Amino acid sequence: MIYIIIKTVLTAAVIVGVSELGKRHTAFAAMLAALPLTSLLAMLWLYTDTKDAGRIADLSVSIFWLVLPTLLFFLILPWMLRHEFNFWLSIAVSSGVMVVFYIAYAALGRKLGLPI
């Protein structure tokens, strides 16, 4: 139980760190957020839990293929915000489009034999 609490606190600290840094230094926060921190943390925790390097390799390849649909979110959100759409609407639309693209992309990826 302590291990799960440590994992949760460390993971949350990264997210809080990025948001706090973003208040003062947007570029540094963006650089930190652009790092695959979630992926790195997930891989660290998964390897610590399983010691299975093959599973980490599979996760890494799947993450690579699923990064592409995520990029659409980062194009739509700033476009909407710069055109003065409501923040919450912008988040919802960007997320919704990303999810739809994920579903279509996953279906296509399965047909092409990608590890998604």
C-alpha atoms as a PDB file:
ATOM      1  CA  MET A   1       0.000   0.000   0.000  1.00  0.00           C
ATOM      2  CA  ILE A   2       2.859   2.400   0.802  1.00  0.00           C
ATOM      3  CA  TYR A   3       4.337   1.710  -2.636  1.00  0.00           C
ATOM      4  CA  ILE A   4       1.101   2.779  -4.363  1.00  0.00           C
ATOM      5  CA  ILE A   5       1.000   5.959  -2.272  1.00  0.00           C
ATOM      6  CA  ILE A   6       4.625   6.763  -3.205  1.00  0.00           C
ATOM      7  CA  LYS A   7       3.872   6.190  -6.903  1.00  0.00           C
ATOM      8  CA  THR A   8       0.798   8.407  -6.688  1.00  0.00           C
ATOM      9  CA  VAL A   9       2.556  11.234  -4.851  1.00  0.00           C
ATOM     10  CA  LEU A  10       5.574  11.268  -7.187  1.00  0.00           C
ATOM     11  CA  THR A  11       3.392  11.174 -10.291  1.00  0.00           C
ATOM     12  CA  ALA A  12       1.140  13.936  -8.964  1.00  0.00           C
ATOM     13  CA  ALA A  13       4.193  16.035  -8.063  1.00  0.00           C
ATOM     14  CA  VAL A  14       5.292  16.025 -11.710  1.00  0.00           C
ATOM     15  CA  ILE A  15       1.894  17.287 -12.867  1.00  0.00           C
ATOM     16  CA  VAL A  16       1.707  19.939 -10.153  1.00  0.00           C
ATOM     17  CA  GLY A  17       5.274  20.959 -10.961  1.00  0.00           C
ATOM     18  CA  VAL A  18       4.429  21.541 -14.612  1.00  0.00           C
ATOM     19  CA  SER A  19       1.321  23.578 -13.793  1.00  0.00           C
ATOM     20  CA  GLU A  20       3.155  25.700 -11.207  1.00  0.00           C
ATOM     21  CA  LEU A  21       6.099  26.263 -13.527  1.00  0.00           C
ATOM     22  CA  GLY A  22       3.633  27.278 -16.231  1.00  0.00           C
ATOM     23  CA  LYS A  23       2.501  30.216 -14.089  1.00  0.00           C
ATOM     24  CA  ARG A  24       5.976  31.734 -14.251  1.00  0.00           C
ATOM     25  CA  HIS A  25       7.800  30.276 -17.244  1.00  0.00           C
ATOM     26  CA  THR A  26       5.550  29.001 -20.005  1.00  0.00           C
ATOM     27  CA  ALA A  27       8.401  27.831 -22.232  1.00  0.00           C
ATOM     28  CA  PHE A  28      10.029  25.786 -19.462  1.00  0.00           C
ATOM     29  CA  ALA A  29       6.696  24.287 -18.441  1.00  0.00           C
ATOM     30  CA  ALA A  30       5.981  23.399 -22.072  1.00  0.00           C
ATOM     31  CA  MET A  31       9.400  21.792 -22.413  1.00  0.00           C
ATOM     32  CA  LEU A  32       8.825  19.742 -19.267  1.00  0.00           C
ATOM     33  CA  ALA A  33       5.299  18.807 -20.345  1.00  0.00           C
ATOM     34  CA  ALA A  34       6.526  17.854 -23.827  1.00  0.00           C
ATOM     35  CA  LEU A  35       8.837  15.274 -22.328  1.00  0.00           C
ATOM     36  CA  PRO A  36       7.162  11.915 -22.258  1.00  0.00           C
ATOM     37  CA  LEU A  37       6.884  12.151 -18.471  1.00  0.00           C
ATOM     38  CA  THR A  38       3.705  10.123 -18.232  1.00  0.00           C
ATOM     39  CA  SER A  39       5.216   7.468 -20.440  1.00  0.00           C
ATOM     40  CA  LEU A  40       8.500   7.467 -18.541  1.00  0.00           C
ATOM     41  CA  LEU A  41       6.745   7.217 -15.192  1.00  0.00           C
ATOM     42  CA  ALA A  42       4.472   4.452 -16.446  1.00  0.00           C
ATOM     43  CA  MET A  43       7.466   2.537 -17.777  1.00  0.00           C
ATOM     44  CA  LEU A  44       9.397   3.014 -14.540  1.00  0.00           C
ATOM     45  CA  TRP A  45       6.468   1.822 -12.422  1.00  0.00           C
ATOM     46  CA  LEU A  46       5.686  -1.070 -14.787  1.00  0.00           C
ATOM     47  CA  TYR A  47       9.298  -2.233 -14.831  1.00  0.00           C
ATOM     48  CA  THR A  48       9.595  -1.876 -11.057  1.00  0.00           C
ATOM     49  CA  ASP A  49       6.435  -3.958 -10.667  1.00  0.00           C
ATOM     50  CA  THR A  50       7.149  -6.636 -13.303  1.00  0.00           C
ATOM     51  CA  LYS A  51      10.867  -6.557 -14.276  1.00  0.00           C
ATOM     52  CA  ASP A  52       9.562  -7.394 -17.776  1.00  0.00           C
ATOM     53  CA  ALA A  53      11.642  -5.498 -20.368  1.00  0.00           C
ATOM     54  CA  GLY A  54       9.588  -7.008 -23.207  1.00  0.00           C
ATOM     55  CA  ARG A  55       6.424  -5.501 -21.785  1.00  0.00           C
ATOM     56  CA  ILE A  56       8.158  -2.111 -21.588  1.00  0.00           C
ATOM     57  CA  ALA A  57       9.264  -2.452 -25.225  1.00  0.00           C
ATOM     58  CA  ASP A  58       5.687  -3.262 -26.293  1.00  0.00           C
ATOM     59  CA  LEU A  59       4.347  -0.306 -24.305  1.00  0.00           C
ATOM     60  CA  SER A  60       6.940   2.010 -25.853  1.00  0.00           C
ATOM     61  CA  VAL A  61       6.047   1.014 -29.428  1.00  0.00           C
ATOM     62  CA  SER A  62       2.322   1.389 -28.730  1.00  0.00           C
ATOM     63  CA  ILE A  63       2.910   4.839 -27.223  1.00  0.00           C
ATOM     64  CA  PHE A  64       4.845   5.854 -30.335  1.00  0.00           C
ATOM     65  CA  TRP A  65       1.934   4.992 -32.610  1.00  0.00           C
ATOM     66  CA  LEU A  66      -0.638   6.636 -30.342  1.00  0.00           C
ATOM     67  CA  VAL A  67       1.220   9.949 -30.029  1.00  0.00           C
ATOM     68  CA  LEU A  68       0.098  10.918 -33.526  1.00  0.00           C
ATOM     69  CA  PRO A  69      -3.621  11.338 -32.689  1.00  0.00           C
ATOM     70  CA  THR A  70      -2.669  13.347 -29.602  1.00  0.00           C
ATOM     71  CA  LEU A  71      -0.996  15.974 -31.752  1.00  0.00           C
ATOM     72  CA  LEU A  72      -4.375  16.932 -33.220  1.00  0.00           C
ATOM     73  CA  PHE A  73      -5.467  18.085 -29.736  1.00  0.00           C
ATOM     74  CA  PHE A  74      -2.488  20.460 -29.591  1.00  0.00           C
ATOM     75  CA  LEU A  75      -3.466  22.006 -32.912  1.00  0.00           C
ATOM     76  CA  ILE A  76      -7.198  22.449 -32.307  1.00  0.00           C
ATOM     77  CA  LEU A  77      -7.000  23.777 -28.730  1.00  0.00           C
ATOM     78  CA  PRO A  78      -4.758  26.788 -29.415  1.00  0.00           C
ATOM     79  CA  TRP A  79      -6.635  27.587 -32.618  1.00  0.00           C
ATOM     80  CA  MET A  80      -9.940  27.717 -30.737  1.00  0.00           C
ATOM     81  CA  LEU A  81      -8.507  29.721 -27.839  1.00  0.00           C
ATOM     82  CA  ARG A  82      -6.903  32.242 -30.179  1.00  0.00           C
ATOM     83  CA  HIS A  83     -10.262  32.648 -31.898  1.00  0.00           C
ATOM     84  CA  GLU A  84     -11.772  33.459 -28.495  1.00  0.00           C
ATOM     85  CA  PHE A  85     -13.796  30.323 -27.960  1.00  0.00           C
ATOM     86  CA  ASN A  86     -14.632  29.550 -24.343  1.00  0.00           C
ATOM     87  CA  PHE A  87     -11.836  27.631 -22.590  1.00  0.00           C
ATOM     88  CA  TRP A  88     -14.051  24.735 -21.481  1.00  0.00           C
ATOM     89  CA  LEU A  89     -15.665  24.428 -24.894  1.00  0.00           C
ATOM     90  CA  SER A  90     -12.210  24.451 -26.480  1.00  0.00           C
ATOM     91  CA  ILE A  91     -10.999  21.688 -24.167  1.00  0.00           C
ATOM     92  CA  ALA A  92     -14.153  19.641 -24.814  1.00  0.00           C
ATOM     93  CA  VAL A  93     -14.043  20.010 -28.599  1.00  0.00           C
ATOM     94  CA  SER A  94     -10.293  19.363 -28.782  1.00  0.00           C
ATOM     95  CA  SER A  95     -10.651  16.289 -26.585  1.00  0.00           C
ATOM     96  CA  GLY A  96     -13.673  15.051 -28.510  1.00  0.00           C
ATOM     97  CA  VAL A  97     -11.955  15.397 -31.869  1.00  0.00           C
ATOM     98  CA  MET A  98      -8.887  13.658 -30.446  1.00  0.00           C
ATOM     99  CA  VAL A  99     -10.988  10.739 -29.172  1.00  0.00           C
ATOM    100  CA  VAL A 100     -12.767  10.362 -32.517  1.00  0.00           C
ATOM    101  CA  PHE A 101      -9.408  10.462 -34.289  1.00  0.00           C
ATOM    102  CA  TYR A 102      -8.019   7.888 -31.806  1.00  0.00           C
ATOM    103  CA  ILE A 103     -10.880   5.517 -32.588  1.00  0.00           C
ATOM    104  CA  ALA A 104     -10.500   5.917 -36.358  1.00  0.00           C
ATOM    105  CA  TYR A 105      -6.717   5.718 -36.106  1.00  0.00           C
ATOM    106  CA  ALA A 106      -6.869   2.569 -33.948  1.00  0.00           C
ATOM    107  CA  ALA A 107      -9.233   0.896 -36.404  1.00  0.00           C
ATOM    108  CA  LEU A 108      -6.931   1.750 -39.294  1.00  0.00           C
ATOM    109  CA  GLY A 109      -3.873   0.729 -37.264  1.00  0.00           C
ATOM    110  CA  ARG A 110      -5.347  -2.680 -36.518  1.00  0.00           C
ATOM    111  CA  LYS A 111      -6.026  -3.218 -40.231  1.00  0.00           C
ATOM    112  CA  LEU A 112      -2.426  -2.279 -41.010  1.00  0.00           C
ATOM    113  CA  GLY A 113      -1.082  -4.509 -38.233  1.00  0.00           C
ATOM    114  CA  LEU A 114       0.234  -1.725 -36.002  1.00  0.00           C
ATOM    115  CA  PRO A 115       0.673  -2.594 -32.312  1.00  0.00           C
ATOM    116  CA  ILE A 116      -2.144  -0.381 -31.069  1.00  0.00           C
END
